[in-house]
Protein backbone atom coordinates (compact mmCIF):
# COMPACT_ATOMS: atom_id res chain seq x y z
CA UNK A 1 0.00 0.00 0.00
CA UNK A 2 1.31 3.46 -0.89
CA UNK A 3 1.45 6.54 1.29
CA UNK A 4 -1.50 8.89 1.81
CA UNK A 5 -1.30 12.67 1.75
CA UNK A 6 -1.63 14.44 5.07
CA UNK A 7 -4.89 16.20 5.84
CA UNK A 8 -4.49 19.67 7.31
CA UNK A 9 -6.89 20.86 10.00
CA UNK A 10 -8.64 24.10 9.06
CA UNK A 11 -7.54 25.93 12.25
CA UNK A 12 -3.84 25.10 11.81
CA UNK A 13 -1.14 27.75 11.52
CA UNK A 14 1.60 27.11 9.01
CA UNK A 15 4.42 28.08 11.39
CA UNK A 16 3.13 25.61 14.01
CA UNK A 17 2.58 22.80 11.52
CA UNK A 18 6.00 23.14 9.88
CA UNK A 19 8.51 20.71 11.36
CA UNK A 20 11.70 18.84 10.55
CA UNK A 21 9.97 15.50 11.08
CA UNK A 22 12.61 13.42 9.30
CA UNK A 23 14.94 14.23 12.22
CA UNK A 24 12.32 14.46 14.96
CA UNK A 25 13.56 11.39 16.85
CA UNK A 26 17.02 12.90 17.15
CA UNK A 27 15.83 16.52 17.56
CA UNK A 28 12.34 16.47 19.13
CA UNK A 29 10.34 19.70 19.05
CA UNK A 30 9.56 19.09 22.73
CA UNK A 31 13.29 19.41 23.50
CA UNK A 32 13.47 22.70 21.58
CA UNK A 33 10.48 24.11 23.48
CA UNK A 34 11.99 22.97 26.79
CA UNK A 35 15.29 24.68 26.01
CA UNK A 36 13.57 27.92 24.96
CA UNK A 37 11.57 27.87 28.18
CA UNK A 38 14.67 27.19 30.28
CA UNK A 39 16.50 30.07 28.58
CA UNK A 40 13.41 32.28 29.16
CA UNK A 41 13.18 33.16 25.49
CA UNK A 42 9.61 33.68 24.35
CA UNK A 43 7.51 35.70 21.93
CA UNK A 44 4.38 37.76 22.38
CA UNK A 45 2.96 37.26 18.90
CA UNK A 46 2.84 34.18 16.67
CA UNK A 47 4.53 35.20 13.42
CA UNK A 48 5.30 33.42 10.17
CA UNK A 49 8.68 32.50 11.64
CA UNK A 50 8.34 31.57 15.30
CA UNK A 51 11.30 30.74 17.55
CA UNK A 52 10.90 26.96 17.36
CA UNK A 53 10.92 27.17 13.58
CA UNK A 54 13.95 29.48 13.74
CA UNK A 55 15.86 26.82 15.68
CA UNK A 56 14.88 24.22 13.08
CA UNK A 57 15.98 26.58 10.32
CA UNK A 58 19.45 27.03 11.85
CA UNK A 59 19.80 23.23 11.93
CA UNK A 60 18.42 22.80 8.40
CA UNK A 61 20.85 25.36 6.96
CA UNK A 62 23.60 22.87 7.82
CA UNK A 63 21.84 20.18 5.80
CA UNK A 64 21.03 22.32 2.75
CA UNK A 65 24.44 23.98 2.86
CA UNK A 66 24.57 25.17 -0.75
CA UNK A 67 21.38 27.24 -0.42
CA UNK A 68 20.85 30.74 0.91
CA UNK A 69 18.84 30.97 4.14
CA UNK A 70 15.72 32.06 2.28
CA UNK A 71 16.02 29.07 -0.02
CA UNK A 72 16.63 26.78 2.96
CA UNK A 73 13.34 27.90 4.51
CA UNK A 74 11.51 27.38 1.23
CA UNK A 75 13.09 23.93 0.88
CA UNK A 76 12.13 23.14 4.48
CA UNK A 77 8.53 24.18 3.79
CA UNK A 78 8.15 22.54 0.37
CA UNK A 79 6.33 19.41 1.51
CA UNK A 80 3.91 21.21 3.82
CA UNK A 81 3.12 23.85 1.19
CA UNK A 82 2.19 21.03 -1.21
CA UNK A 83 -0.65 19.86 1.07
CA UNK A 84 -1.52 23.24 2.62
CA UNK A 85 -5.10 24.40 1.93
CA UNK A 86 -3.90 27.83 0.75
CA UNK A 87 -1.61 27.17 -2.27
CA UNK A 88 -0.54 30.82 -2.39
CA UNK A 89 0.94 30.82 1.15
CA UNK A 90 4.39 32.48 1.26
CA UNK A 91 7.00 31.75 3.91
CA UNK A 92 8.90 34.48 5.75
CA UNK A 93 11.36 36.61 3.78
CA UNK A 94 15.10 37.15 4.17
CA UNK A 95 14.85 40.16 6.49
CA UNK A 96 12.54 38.27 8.86
CA UNK A 97 14.97 35.32 8.91
CA UNK A 98 17.92 37.56 9.79
CA UNK A 99 15.92 39.36 12.49
CA UNK A 100 14.70 36.12 14.07
CA UNK A 101 18.16 34.48 14.03
CA UNK A 102 19.72 37.26 16.02
CA UNK A 103 16.70 37.58 18.28
CA UNK A 104 17.14 33.89 19.08
CA UNK A 105 20.87 34.26 19.77
CA UNK A 106 23.36 31.48 20.46
CA UNK A 107 22.45 30.32 23.98
CA UNK A 108 19.44 28.14 22.97
CA UNK A 109 21.54 26.28 20.38
CA UNK A 110 24.33 25.71 22.90
CA UNK A 111 21.81 24.42 25.45
CA UNK A 112 20.07 22.23 22.86
CA UNK A 113 23.40 20.72 21.80
CA UNK A 114 24.26 19.79 25.40
CA UNK A 115 20.72 18.46 25.94
CA UNK A 116 20.66 16.19 22.88
CA UNK A 117 24.18 15.13 22.00
CA UNK A 118 25.17 12.13 24.09
CA UNK A 119 27.11 8.92 23.36
CA UNK A 120 24.81 6.59 21.44
CA UNK A 121 26.74 3.33 20.94
CA UNK A 122 25.65 0.16 22.70
CA UNK A 123 28.08 -2.61 23.71
CA UNK A 124 26.98 -4.43 20.54
CA UNK A 125 28.03 -1.56 18.22
CA UNK A 126 31.10 -2.80 16.28
CA UNK A 127 34.28 -0.87 17.02
CA UNK A 128 32.74 1.30 19.76
CA UNK A 129 34.25 -0.42 22.81
CA UNK A 130 37.63 -1.88 23.78
CA UNK A 131 38.31 -3.82 26.99
CA UNK A 132 34.74 -2.90 27.97
CA UNK A 133 35.53 0.83 27.66
CA UNK A 134 33.81 3.27 25.32
CA UNK A 135 36.34 4.68 22.82
CA UNK A 136 36.39 8.47 22.83
CA UNK A 137 38.66 10.96 21.03
CA UNK A 138 39.59 14.55 21.82
CA UNK A 139 40.98 16.90 19.20
CA UNK A 140 40.84 20.45 17.88
CA UNK A 141 40.53 22.25 14.55
CA UNK A 142 40.11 25.81 13.30
CA UNK A 143 37.17 27.16 11.29
CA UNK A 144 37.19 30.17 8.95
CA UNK A 145 34.49 32.77 9.58
CA UNK A 146 33.41 35.70 7.37
CA UNK A 147 35.88 38.57 7.20
CA UNK A 148 33.94 41.27 9.03
CA UNK A 149 35.27 43.77 11.60
CA UNK A 150 33.09 42.24 14.33
CA UNK A 151 34.31 38.68 13.69
CA UNK A 152 37.93 39.81 13.43
CA UNK A 153 37.69 41.72 16.71
CA UNK A 154 36.22 38.77 18.64
CA UNK A 155 37.91 35.73 17.08
CA UNK A 156 41.15 37.21 15.71
CA UNK A 157 43.43 35.90 12.98
CA UNK A 158 46.27 33.41 13.04
CA UNK A 159 49.61 34.96 12.16
CA UNK A 160 52.64 33.21 10.75
CA UNK A 161 53.69 34.23 7.30
CA UNK A 162 51.33 37.16 7.59
CA UNK A 163 47.80 37.16 8.98
CA UNK A 164 45.31 34.51 7.90
CA UNK A 165 42.91 35.49 5.11
CA UNK A 166 39.86 35.06 7.37
CA UNK A 167 39.22 35.39 11.10
CA UNK A 168 39.27 31.93 12.65
CA UNK A 169 37.59 30.09 15.50
CA UNK A 170 39.42 27.51 17.61
CA UNK A 171 37.16 24.47 17.92
CA UNK A 172 37.70 21.46 20.19
CA UNK A 173 35.56 18.30 19.97
CA UNK A 174 35.01 15.27 22.19
CA UNK A 175 33.59 12.47 20.04
CA UNK A 176 32.56 8.84 20.24
CA UNK A 177 34.78 6.88 17.85
CA UNK A 178 32.36 4.06 17.04
CA UNK A 179 29.45 6.27 15.92
CA UNK A 180 31.17 9.61 15.07
CA UNK A 181 28.82 11.36 17.53
CA UNK A 182 30.24 14.66 18.79
CA UNK A 183 29.16 14.70 22.45
CA UNK A 184 30.78 17.95 23.56
CA UNK A 185 32.39 20.91 21.84
CA UNK A 186 33.71 24.36 22.56
CA UNK A 187 34.57 27.38 20.39
CA UNK A 188 37.02 30.12 21.28
CA UNK A 189 39.07 32.88 19.63
CA UNK A 190 41.78 31.38 17.46
CA UNK A 191 44.61 32.34 19.83
CA UNK A 192 43.15 30.25 22.68
CA UNK A 193 45.11 27.02 23.04
CA UNK A 194 43.25 23.87 22.03
CA UNK A 195 44.75 22.28 25.17
CA UNK A 196 42.82 24.72 27.36
CA UNK A 197 39.67 23.89 25.41
CA UNK A 198 40.36 20.17 25.77
CA UNK A 199 40.55 20.50 29.55
CA UNK A 200 37.15 22.22 29.53
CA UNK A 201 35.57 19.32 27.61
CA UNK A 202 36.62 16.76 30.21
CA UNK A 203 33.36 17.76 31.96
CA UNK A 204 31.63 15.32 29.58
CA UNK A 205 33.89 12.35 30.31
CA UNK A 206 31.82 9.69 32.07
CA UNK A 207 32.85 6.50 33.89
CA UNK A 208 33.78 3.63 31.60
CA UNK A 209 35.43 5.63 28.79
CA UNK A 210 38.86 5.30 27.21
CA UNK A 211 39.78 8.85 26.17
CA UNK A 212 42.42 9.21 23.44
CA UNK A 213 44.29 12.35 22.42
CA UNK A 214 47.50 13.23 20.62
CA UNK A 215 50.80 14.29 22.18
CA UNK A 216 49.92 18.00 22.16
CA UNK A 217 47.29 17.37 24.87
CA UNK A 218 49.67 15.61 27.29
CA UNK A 219 49.29 17.05 30.78
CA UNK A 220 49.50 15.55 34.27
CA UNK A 221 46.37 17.31 35.52
CA UNK A 222 44.40 16.37 32.41
CA UNK A 223 45.21 12.69 32.95
CA UNK A 224 44.34 12.96 36.64
CA UNK A 225 41.01 14.61 35.78
CA UNK A 226 40.03 11.70 33.54
CA UNK A 227 40.97 9.18 36.26
CA UNK A 228 38.95 11.14 38.82
CA UNK A 229 35.88 10.72 36.60
CA UNK A 230 36.24 6.94 36.48
CA UNK A 231 37.71 6.70 32.99
CA UNK A 232 41.06 5.83 31.41
CA UNK A 233 43.54 7.57 29.08
CA UNK A 234 45.46 6.46 26.00
CA UNK A 235 47.76 9.09 24.48
CA UNK A 236 50.88 9.46 22.40
CA UNK A 237 53.91 10.87 24.17
CA UNK A 238 56.04 13.68 22.80
CA UNK A 239 59.77 13.01 22.64
CA UNK A 240 60.45 15.60 25.34
CA UNK A 241 58.39 13.76 27.99
CA UNK A 242 60.64 11.45 30.04
CA UNK A 243 58.66 9.24 32.46
CA UNK A 244 60.63 7.58 35.25
CA UNK A 245 60.74 3.85 34.49
CA UNK A 246 59.57 1.58 37.33
CA UNK A 247 59.62 -1.97 35.95
CA UNK A 248 59.16 -3.98 32.77
CA UNK A 249 55.95 -5.98 32.25
CA UNK A 250 55.39 -9.36 30.63
CA UNK A 251 54.17 -7.99 27.27
CA UNK A 252 57.18 -5.70 26.77
CA UNK A 253 55.50 -2.52 28.05
CA UNK A 254 56.67 -1.00 31.32
CA UNK A 255 55.30 0.88 34.30
CA UNK A 256 56.53 4.43 34.85
CA UNK A 257 55.83 7.52 36.90
CA UNK A 258 54.99 10.97 35.61
CA UNK A 259 54.95 14.17 37.64
CA UNK A 260 53.35 17.61 37.23
CA UNK A 261 55.38 20.40 35.69
CA UNK A 262 55.15 22.56 38.81
CA UNK A 263 58.38 22.23 40.82
CA UNK A 264 56.73 22.56 44.24
CA UNK A 265 54.22 19.84 43.46
CA UNK A 266 57.02 17.55 42.31
CA UNK A 267 58.88 18.20 45.56
CA UNK A 268 55.73 17.24 47.43
CA UNK A 269 55.91 13.85 45.74
CA UNK A 270 52.88 14.12 43.46
CA UNK A 271 53.11 11.44 40.79
CA UNK A 272 50.96 9.11 38.70
CA UNK A 273 51.74 5.50 37.92
CA UNK A 274 51.21 4.92 34.19
CA UNK A 275 52.16 2.36 31.58
CA UNK A 276 54.31 3.00 28.53
CA UNK A 277 53.98 1.04 25.29
CA UNK A 278 56.77 1.39 22.73
CA UNK A 279 56.39 0.16 19.17
CA UNK A 280 57.66 0.74 15.68
CA UNK A 281 56.14 0.44 12.21
CA UNK A 282 57.62 -2.19 9.92
CA UNK A 283 55.90 -1.33 6.63
CA UNK A 284 57.98 1.18 4.62
CA UNK A 285 54.81 2.54 2.98
CA UNK A 286 53.39 3.79 6.29
CA UNK A 287 54.31 7.13 7.89
CA UNK A 288 56.56 6.75 10.91
CA UNK A 289 58.29 3.70 9.45
CA UNK A 290 61.31 2.67 11.53
CA UNK A 291 60.68 5.30 14.20
CA UNK A 292 60.03 4.57 17.87
CA UNK A 293 56.52 5.54 18.97
CA UNK A 294 55.52 5.76 22.63
CA UNK A 295 52.04 5.53 24.08
CA UNK A 296 51.02 6.37 27.64
CA UNK A 297 48.02 4.68 29.18
CA UNK A 298 46.45 4.44 32.60
CA UNK A 299 45.47 0.80 31.86
CA UNK A 300 48.18 -0.91 33.91
CA UNK A 301 47.28 -4.60 33.52
CA UNK A 302 49.11 -6.19 30.53
CA UNK A 303 46.77 -9.18 30.58
CA UNK A 304 43.52 -7.19 30.51
CA UNK A 305 44.92 -4.66 28.02
CA UNK A 306 47.71 -6.17 25.87
CA UNK A 307 50.27 -3.73 24.48
CA UNK A 308 49.74 -4.60 20.81
CA UNK A 309 45.98 -4.09 21.08
CA UNK A 310 46.57 -0.69 22.69
CA UNK A 311 48.94 0.31 19.86
CA UNK A 312 46.30 -0.66 17.28
CA UNK A 313 43.51 1.00 19.26
CA UNK A 314 45.30 4.34 19.52
CA UNK A 315 45.00 4.79 15.78
CA UNK A 316 41.21 4.72 16.18
CA UNK A 317 41.71 8.26 17.46
CA UNK A 318 41.89 9.29 13.82
CA UNK A 319 38.13 8.70 13.59
CA UNK A 320 37.78 12.24 14.91
CA UNK A 321 39.62 13.50 11.82
CA UNK A 322 36.91 11.82 9.72
CA UNK A 323 34.28 13.60 11.83
CA UNK A 324 35.92 16.95 11.11
CA UNK A 325 35.98 16.01 7.42
CA UNK A 326 32.24 15.22 7.54
CA UNK A 327 31.33 18.57 9.05
CA UNK A 328 33.80 20.65 7.02
CA UNK A 329 33.85 18.99 3.61
CA UNK A 330 30.36 17.52 3.29
CA UNK A 331 28.23 19.79 5.47
CA UNK A 332 29.97 23.15 5.60
CA UNK A 333 31.73 22.94 2.21
CA UNK A 334 35.40 23.44 3.01
CA UNK A 335 37.10 26.27 1.15
CA UNK A 336 34.51 28.84 2.15
CA UNK A 337 33.84 30.37 5.56
CA UNK A 338 30.67 30.12 7.62
CA UNK A 339 27.65 32.28 6.76
CA UNK A 340 27.36 34.46 9.85
CA UNK A 341 28.65 38.03 9.79
CA UNK A 342 28.42 38.57 13.55
CA UNK A 343 30.09 36.61 16.38
CA UNK A 344 26.81 35.55 18.02
CA UNK A 345 25.66 34.16 14.66
CA UNK A 346 28.96 32.28 14.29
CA UNK A 347 28.52 30.47 17.61
CA UNK A 348 24.87 29.79 16.82
CA UNK A 349 25.78 28.37 13.43
CA UNK A 350 28.59 26.16 14.73
CA UNK A 351 26.43 24.51 17.39
CA UNK A 352 23.59 24.09 14.87
CA UNK A 353 26.10 22.42 12.53
CA UNK A 354 27.00 19.90 15.23
CA UNK A 355 23.34 19.23 16.07
CA UNK A 356 22.63 18.55 12.38
CA UNK A 357 25.68 16.25 12.21
CA UNK A 358 24.56 14.42 15.36
CA UNK A 359 21.03 13.96 14.00
CA UNK A 360 22.34 12.39 10.79
CA UNK A 361 24.71 10.16 12.70
CA UNK A 362 21.79 9.21 14.99
CA UNK A 363 19.87 7.96 11.95
CA UNK A 364 22.94 6.16 10.60
CA UNK A 365 23.45 4.38 13.92
CA UNK A 366 19.81 3.27 14.03
CA UNK A 367 20.06 2.05 10.43
CA UNK A 368 23.28 0.15 11.16
CA UNK A 369 21.74 -1.51 14.24
CA UNK A 370 18.66 -2.47 12.23
CA UNK A 371 20.82 -4.00 9.47
CA UNK A 372 23.33 -5.45 11.99
CA UNK A 373 26.34 -3.85 10.32
CA UNK A 374 29.18 -1.59 11.42
CA UNK A 375 28.18 2.13 11.26
CA UNK A 376 31.51 2.71 9.46
CA UNK A 377 30.03 0.92 6.44
CA UNK A 378 27.38 3.62 5.93
CA UNK A 379 28.18 6.62 3.75
CA UNK A 380 27.75 10.01 5.40
CA UNK A 381 27.30 11.79 2.06
CA UNK A 382 24.64 9.27 1.03
CA UNK A 383 22.89 9.80 4.38
CA UNK A 384 22.87 13.56 3.77
CA UNK A 385 21.14 13.07 0.42
CA UNK A 386 18.60 10.64 1.91
CA UNK A 387 17.70 13.14 4.65
CA UNK A 388 17.43 16.03 2.18
CA UNK A 389 15.00 14.02 0.06
CA UNK A 390 13.05 12.77 3.08
CA UNK A 391 12.25 16.18 4.61
CA UNK A 392 9.35 17.06 2.22
CA UNK A 393 8.14 13.44 2.15
CA UNK A 394 7.59 13.44 5.92
CA UNK A 395 5.64 16.69 5.72
CA UNK A 396 3.31 15.40 2.99
CA UNK A 397 2.67 11.95 4.46
CA UNK A 398 -0.29 11.15 6.71
CA UNK A 399 0.78 11.11 10.35
CA UNK A 400 -0.34 7.53 10.94
CA UNK A 401 2.16 6.37 8.29
CA UNK A 402 5.22 8.26 9.58
CA UNK A 403 6.63 5.23 11.42
CA UNK A 404 6.41 3.25 8.20
CA UNK A 405 8.15 6.07 6.31
CA UNK A 406 10.85 6.29 9.00
CA UNK A 407 11.59 2.57 8.66
CA UNK A 408 11.91 3.02 4.89
CA UNK A 409 14.33 5.91 5.39
CA UNK A 410 16.53 3.75 7.64
CA UNK A 411 16.53 1.05 4.99
CA UNK A 412 17.47 3.62 2.32
CA UNK A 413 20.51 4.59 4.40
CA UNK A 414 21.88 1.05 4.07
CA UNK A 415 21.48 0.86 0.28
CA UNK A 416 24.91 2.36 -0.32
CA UNK A 417 27.50 0.51 1.74
CA UNK A 418 31.11 1.55 1.77
CA UNK A 419 33.70 -1.16 1.10
CA UNK A 420 35.67 -2.56 4.01
CA UNK A 421 38.37 -0.08 4.89
CA UNK A 422 41.56 -0.94 3.10
CA UNK A 423 45.03 -0.01 4.33
CA UNK A 424 46.17 3.09 2.50
CA UNK A 425 48.24 6.20 3.06
CA UNK A 426 48.89 9.52 1.37
CA UNK A 427 51.79 11.94 1.67
CA UNK A 428 51.12 15.04 3.80
CA UNK A 429 51.79 17.52 1.03
CA UNK A 430 49.76 20.31 -0.62
CA UNK A 431 49.71 22.06 -3.99
CA UNK A 432 49.45 25.52 -2.43
CA UNK A 433 52.42 27.71 -1.75
CA UNK A 434 52.97 29.37 1.64
CA UNK A 435 51.94 26.32 3.65
CA UNK A 436 53.52 24.48 6.57
CA UNK A 437 53.23 21.27 4.52
CA UNK A 438 55.71 20.27 1.84
CA UNK A 439 54.91 21.17 -1.76
CA UNK A 440 53.32 18.40 -3.82
CA UNK A 441 55.83 17.10 -6.37
CA UNK A 442 55.66 14.47 -9.18
CA UNK A 443 56.90 11.65 -6.92
CA UNK A 444 53.89 12.14 -4.63
CA UNK A 445 51.37 11.17 -7.32
CA UNK A 446 52.30 7.47 -7.20
CA UNK A 447 52.85 7.04 -3.50
CA UNK A 448 53.63 3.46 -2.31
CA UNK A 449 50.75 1.80 -0.48
CA UNK A 450 50.81 -0.49 2.59
CA UNK A 451 51.33 -4.19 2.04
CA UNK A 452 48.66 -5.25 4.54
CA UNK A 453 46.49 -4.24 7.52
CA UNK A 454 47.92 -1.61 9.85
CA UNK A 455 48.05 -3.87 12.90
CA UNK A 456 50.24 -6.33 10.97
CA UNK A 457 52.79 -3.56 10.55
CA UNK A 458 53.28 -2.93 14.27
CA UNK A 459 56.15 -4.42 16.24
CA UNK A 460 56.57 -3.89 19.94
CA UNK A 461 59.97 -2.76 21.17
Foldseek 3Di string as FASTA:
>chain_A
DDFAFAADDPPDDLQVLQDQVLLCVLPPLVLLVVLCVVVVHADDDDDLHHLSNLLVLLLQCLLVVVDDSLVSVCLSCVLQCVNDPDVVDDGDDDVVSVVSLVSNFARSLQVSLLVRFDDDDDPLFPPQDDLQAGEKEKDKDKAFAAADPQLCVFQNFDDDPHTDPGFIKIKMFIAGLQLLGTNDMDIGRPVDDSLVVRLVVLVRQAARHEYEYEQVNDFPVSQVSNVVRNYKYKYWHDPPADFAFDAADPLGKGKTKDFGPDPVRVVVVDIDIWIKFWKAFCWPLDPRHPHIIIMIMRPDDCVSPPRLNSVVSNVSNCSNVVSVCCLQCQRNNHPDGHDDPHPRSVSNSVSSSSSSVNSLSVLLVVLCVVVVHRSLFFDSNQSSVLSSVCSSVLSTGYPVCNVVVSVVSSVSRPPRTHDDDFFFDAAQEDCDPPDPHHHDDPVRVCRDTTPGDRSVRMDTD
